Protein backbone atom coordinates (compact mmCIF):
# COMPACT_ATOMS: atom_id res chain seq x y z
CA MET A 1 -189.48 -15.79 37.28
CA ASN A 2 -192.79 -14.00 37.40
CA ILE A 3 -192.60 -10.23 37.27
CA ASP A 4 -195.87 -8.97 38.62
CA ASN A 5 -197.14 -6.22 40.91
CA ASP A 6 -195.64 -7.94 43.96
CA PHE A 7 -192.23 -8.06 42.29
CA ILE A 8 -192.43 -4.35 41.42
CA LEU A 9 -193.72 -3.34 44.85
CA HIS A 10 -191.12 -5.44 46.65
CA ASN A 11 -188.25 -3.88 44.66
CA PHE A 12 -189.66 -0.40 43.99
CA GLU A 13 -187.78 1.49 46.71
CA ASP A 14 -184.40 0.00 45.78
CA ILE A 15 -184.95 0.67 42.08
CA ARG A 16 -186.08 4.22 42.87
CA ASN A 17 -182.94 4.82 44.97
CA CYS A 18 -180.75 3.56 42.14
CA LEU A 19 -182.42 5.93 39.69
CA LEU A 20 -182.03 8.85 42.09
CA LYS A 21 -178.33 8.06 42.43
CA ALA A 22 -177.99 8.02 38.63
CA SER A 23 -179.84 11.34 38.31
CA GLU A 24 -177.58 12.90 40.96
CA ALA A 25 -174.55 11.79 38.94
CA ILE A 26 -176.04 13.39 35.82
CA LEU A 27 -176.68 16.68 37.62
CA GLU A 28 -173.12 16.74 39.02
CA ILE A 29 -171.65 16.30 35.56
CA TYR A 30 -173.90 19.03 34.16
CA LYS A 31 -172.37 21.47 36.68
CA GLU A 32 -169.03 20.97 34.89
CA ASP A 33 -167.92 21.73 31.41
CA PHE A 34 -168.53 18.55 29.48
CA SER A 35 -168.18 17.49 25.90
CA VAL A 36 -170.37 15.48 23.62
CA MET A 37 -168.76 12.46 22.03
CA THR A 38 -169.95 10.42 19.10
CA LYS A 39 -170.61 6.69 19.36
CA SER A 40 -169.80 4.24 16.60
CA ASP A 41 -173.33 4.65 15.21
CA GLU A 42 -172.78 8.42 14.91
CA THR A 43 -175.18 9.28 17.77
CA PRO A 44 -174.13 11.62 20.58
CA VAL A 45 -173.15 10.47 24.08
CA THR A 46 -171.90 12.37 27.11
CA LYS A 47 -170.05 11.43 30.27
CA ALA A 48 -173.41 11.85 32.04
CA ASP A 49 -175.05 9.26 29.76
CA ILE A 50 -172.29 6.75 30.40
CA GLN A 51 -171.98 7.30 34.14
CA ALA A 52 -175.73 7.13 34.78
CA SER A 53 -176.04 4.06 32.60
CA ASN A 54 -173.18 2.37 34.47
CA ILE A 55 -174.80 3.08 37.86
CA ILE A 56 -178.11 1.60 36.73
CA ILE A 57 -176.56 -1.40 34.97
CA GLU A 58 -174.39 -2.29 37.97
CA TYR A 59 -177.41 -2.20 40.26
CA LEU A 60 -179.56 -4.28 37.90
CA GLN A 61 -176.84 -6.87 37.28
CA ASN A 62 -176.27 -7.30 41.01
CA SER A 63 -179.93 -7.31 42.00
CA PHE A 64 -181.54 -9.11 39.05
CA PRO A 65 -178.83 -11.10 37.25
CA MET A 66 -181.45 -13.29 35.58
CA ILE A 67 -183.00 -10.38 33.64
CA PRO A 68 -181.10 -9.21 30.50
CA ILE A 69 -180.26 -5.52 30.13
CA ILE A 70 -180.53 -3.68 26.83
CA THR A 71 -178.92 -0.26 26.74
CA GLU A 72 -177.70 2.23 24.17
CA GLU A 73 -174.57 3.16 26.07
CA VAL A 74 -173.05 -0.32 26.28
CA GLU A 75 -171.86 -1.90 23.08
CA LYS A 76 -173.15 -5.33 24.12
CA GLU A 77 -176.05 -6.01 21.83
CA TYR A 78 -178.45 -8.86 21.77
CA PRO A 79 -179.29 -9.99 18.24
CA TYR A 80 -183.00 -10.10 17.48
CA LYS A 81 -182.98 -13.90 17.37
CA LYS A 82 -181.99 -13.88 21.03
CA ARG A 83 -184.17 -10.91 22.08
CA GLU A 84 -187.33 -12.34 20.55
CA ASP A 85 -187.31 -15.05 23.21
CA PHE A 86 -186.90 -12.67 26.15
CA THR A 87 -189.89 -12.81 28.47
CA TYR A 88 -188.55 -9.85 30.47
CA PHE A 89 -185.68 -7.41 30.03
CA TRP A 90 -184.54 -4.06 31.33
CA SER A 91 -184.33 -1.24 28.80
CA VAL A 92 -181.91 1.41 30.08
CA ASP A 93 -181.58 4.87 28.56
CA PRO A 94 -181.10 7.14 31.59
CA LEU A 95 -181.37 10.58 30.02
CA ASP A 96 -184.46 9.72 28.00
């Protein structure tokens, strides 16, 4: 697979819509009282982090199953030995 300007332009609107959906979910959660939890690595995470991440990951997995996804909010990690061979990957951290 070649990810170039044509790939980005062809998929831009769908990716943009996915990100808007994730940001809407974040804003809805921020209207509520919400708590901050702690992940296993002692870093904070909120319901908004998790929900937005899930929206984005689901879209990417369905639309681009051949591209690996690296994200803080999902405990699936790729060891460096595997990541070093990635030509492309998605890096998902919705609130950052």
